[in-house]
Amino acid sequence: MNLEEIMPLSYWAIALVAVLCIVEFIWIVSLQNRLKGFQKSYLALQTFLDGSSLDQELKEYISGVNQIKGNVEKMEKRMDQVELKLRSAIDRAELVRFNAFDNMGSDLSFALALLNQQGDGVVLSSINNREESRVYAKPVSHGESSYHLSQEEKTAIGKAKESIKI
């Protein structure tokens, strides 16, 4: 008696399909268990101890970052205005003391240069003698003046122009 005679080929095919179905069923159950584990991990990742969700936290952080960007842009605009104003503000001052007359001592006369970063400003001079003191103010543009400058005034302007630029 041959095995083919006992069980026709179709029975073997049915048996093989049944075994494959059982294997697939076991595999599906295993995958469902793994999926449940992933879902639990995902829920644990999504929710924090305070009950908030990751999506909610991310939206709040994005909102905060956008607000900070807006604030930075506002500060940059204000900083540009401040820098423009600072460039025109007096930030260099140099004083040169000298003796204007031979019979005077103590270098009571002086030339004071007050300049901004472009070399614009004023030079103040005070000439002192025994009886009186005179003060002169001369405008300065780019380190030069349309008025005659004394050597001391030129020296004060030169030193002011050489000071550190911002």
Protein backbone atom coordinates (compact mmCIF):
# COMPACT_ATOMS: atom_id res chain seq x y z
CA MET A 1 0.00 0.00 0.00
CA ASN A 2 1.34 3.25 -1.07
CA LEU A 3 1.01 6.46 0.90
CA GLU A 4 -0.56 8.12 -2.09
CA GLU A 5 -3.18 5.51 -2.08
CA ILE A 6 -3.97 6.12 1.58
CA MET A 7 -4.01 9.95 1.35
CA PRO A 8 -4.54 11.64 -1.90
CA LEU A 9 -2.41 14.64 -2.77
CA SER A 10 -5.20 17.12 -2.05
CA TYR A 11 -5.28 16.03 1.59
CA TRP A 12 -1.56 16.78 1.87
CA ALA A 13 -2.13 20.20 0.39
CA ILE A 14 -4.94 20.88 2.85
CA ALA A 15 -2.78 19.70 5.75
CA LEU A 16 0.08 21.92 4.61
CA VAL A 17 -2.23 24.95 4.33
CA ALA A 18 -3.64 24.18 7.81
CA VAL A 19 -0.13 24.07 9.30
CA LEU A 20 0.76 27.34 7.57
CA CYS A 21 -2.44 28.93 8.92
CA ILE A 22 -1.56 27.83 12.44
CA VAL A 23 1.97 29.23 12.07
CA GLU A 24 0.56 32.51 10.72
CA PHE A 25 -1.96 32.70 13.56
CA ILE A 26 0.84 32.27 16.13
CA TRP A 27 2.89 34.89 14.32
CA ILE A 28 -0.07 37.34 14.25
CA VAL A 29 -0.68 36.85 17.99
CA SER A 30 3.04 37.49 18.63
CA LEU A 31 2.95 40.65 16.51
CA GLN A 32 -0.18 41.87 18.34
CA ASN A 33 1.59 41.45 21.67
CA ARG A 34 4.59 43.42 20.38
CA LEU A 35 2.26 46.12 19.02
CA LYS A 36 0.61 46.45 22.44
CA GLY A 37 4.07 46.91 23.96
CA PHE A 38 4.88 49.62 21.39
CA GLN A 39 1.55 51.32 22.08
CA LYS A 40 2.28 51.38 25.82
CA SER A 41 5.75 52.81 25.13
CA TYR A 42 4.28 55.40 22.78
CA LEU A 43 1.70 56.47 25.36
CA ALA A 44 4.41 56.67 28.02
CA LEU A 45 6.49 58.81 25.67
CA GLN A 46 3.54 61.05 24.78
CA THR A 47 2.43 61.79 28.32
CA PHE A 48 4.53 63.34 31.06
CA LEU A 49 4.14 63.09 34.80
CA ASP A 50 2.08 66.27 34.90
CA GLY A 51 -0.39 64.82 32.40
CA SER A 52 0.60 67.00 29.46
CA SER A 53 1.27 65.50 26.08
CA LEU A 54 4.36 65.74 23.93
CA ASP A 55 2.40 67.46 21.17
CA GLN A 56 1.17 70.10 23.60
CA GLU A 57 4.68 70.66 24.98
CA LEU A 58 6.13 70.97 21.46
CA LYS A 59 3.46 73.52 20.48
CA GLU A 60 4.27 75.57 23.59
CA TYR A 61 8.01 75.46 22.84
CA ILE A 62 7.45 76.45 19.21
CA SER A 63 5.26 79.33 20.36
CA GLY A 64 7.98 80.39 22.82
CA VAL A 65 10.68 80.21 20.14
CA ASN A 66 8.57 82.31 17.77
CA GLN A 67 8.03 84.89 20.51
CA ILE A 68 11.77 84.99 21.22
CA LYS A 69 12.48 85.46 17.49
CA GLY A 70 10.09 88.42 17.45
CA ASN A 71 11.77 89.90 20.50
CA VAL A 72 15.22 89.46 18.95
CA GLU A 73 14.07 91.21 15.76
CA LYS A 74 12.73 94.12 17.82
CA MET A 75 15.99 94.33 19.77
CA GLU A 76 18.03 94.25 16.57
CA LYS A 77 16.03 97.21 15.22
CA ARG A 78 16.53 99.11 18.47
CA MET A 79 20.23 98.20 18.51
CA ASP A 80 20.64 99.55 14.97
CA GLN A 81 19.09 102.85 16.09
CA VAL A 82 21.33 102.96 19.16
CA GLU A 83 24.44 102.26 17.08
CA LEU A 84 23.55 105.08 14.68
CA LYS A 85 23.07 107.43 17.59
CA LEU A 86 26.27 106.24 19.26
CA ARG A 87 28.33 106.92 16.13
CA SER A 88 27.27 110.56 16.23
CA ALA A 89 27.71 110.90 20.01
CA ILE A 90 30.87 112.37 21.51
CA ASP A 91 33.02 109.46 22.61
CA ARG A 92 36.54 110.82 22.29
CA ALA A 93 37.93 113.47 24.58
CA GLU A 94 41.54 114.62 24.77
CA LEU A 95 42.99 117.40 26.89
CA VAL A 96 46.26 119.18 26.14
CA ARG A 97 47.50 121.54 28.86
CA PHE A 98 50.02 124.23 27.99
CA ASN A 99 51.53 127.48 29.16
CA ALA A 100 50.19 130.25 26.88
CA PHE A 101 52.54 132.99 28.18
CA ASP A 102 56.18 132.90 29.17
CA ASN A 103 55.65 134.71 32.46
CA MET A 104 52.91 132.28 33.62
CA GLY A 105 53.49 128.94 35.27
CA SER A 106 51.47 125.78 36.00
CA ASP A 107 50.13 125.16 32.46
CA LEU A 108 46.75 126.75 33.22
CA SER A 109 45.78 127.05 29.54
CA PHE A 110 44.30 124.04 27.76
CA ALA A 111 42.81 122.71 24.54
CA LEU A 112 40.02 120.14 24.88
CA ALA A 113 38.88 118.15 21.82
CA LEU A 114 35.47 116.44 22.00
CA LEU A 115 34.85 114.26 18.92
CA ASN A 116 32.60 111.47 17.72
CA GLN A 117 33.67 108.43 15.67
CA GLN A 118 33.64 110.39 12.41
CA GLY A 119 35.91 113.09 13.85
CA ASP A 120 33.09 115.64 14.17
CA GLY A 121 32.68 117.73 17.30
CA VAL A 122 34.26 120.75 18.94
CA VAL A 123 37.58 121.89 20.31
CA LEU A 124 37.51 124.17 23.35
CA SER A 125 40.50 126.32 24.21
CA SER A 126 41.13 128.31 27.35
CA ILE A 127 43.89 130.90 27.42
CA ASN A 128 44.79 131.98 30.94
CA ASN A 129 46.93 134.92 32.01
CA ARG A 130 47.28 136.77 35.32
CA GLU A 131 44.36 139.10 34.75
CA GLU A 132 41.83 137.12 32.73
CA SER A 133 40.87 133.84 31.15
CA ARG A 134 39.35 133.49 27.68
CA VAL A 135 37.56 130.46 26.27
CA TYR A 136 37.21 129.72 22.58
CA ALA A 137 35.07 127.06 20.90
CA LYS A 138 35.69 125.93 17.34
CA PRO A 139 33.64 123.40 15.37
CA VAL A 140 35.46 120.35 14.01
CA SER A 141 34.37 118.31 11.00
CA HIS A 142 36.29 115.14 10.06
CA GLY A 143 39.17 116.27 12.24
CA GLU A 144 39.46 119.70 10.59
CA SER A 145 38.05 123.12 11.40
CA SER A 146 37.14 126.03 9.18
CA TYR A 147 38.75 128.27 11.84
CA HIS A 148 42.47 128.68 12.41
CA LEU A 149 43.66 126.06 14.90
CA SER A 150 46.59 126.51 17.27
CA GLN A 151 49.24 123.82 17.53
CA GLU A 152 47.79 122.71 20.89
CA GLU A 153 44.29 122.43 19.41
CA LYS A 154 45.64 120.38 16.50
CA THR A 155 47.44 118.12 18.98
CA ALA A 156 44.26 117.60 21.04
CA ILE A 157 42.26 116.79 17.88
CA GLY A 158 44.97 114.41 16.65
CA LYS A 159 45.06 112.53 19.97
CA ALA A 160 41.25 112.32 20.04
CA LYS A 161 41.16 110.91 16.50
CA GLU A 162 43.72 108.24 17.47
CA SER A 163 41.66 106.94 20.39
CA ILE A 164 40.06 103.51 20.18
CA LYS A 165 37.11 103.19 17.82
CA ILE A 166 34.11 101.09 18.76
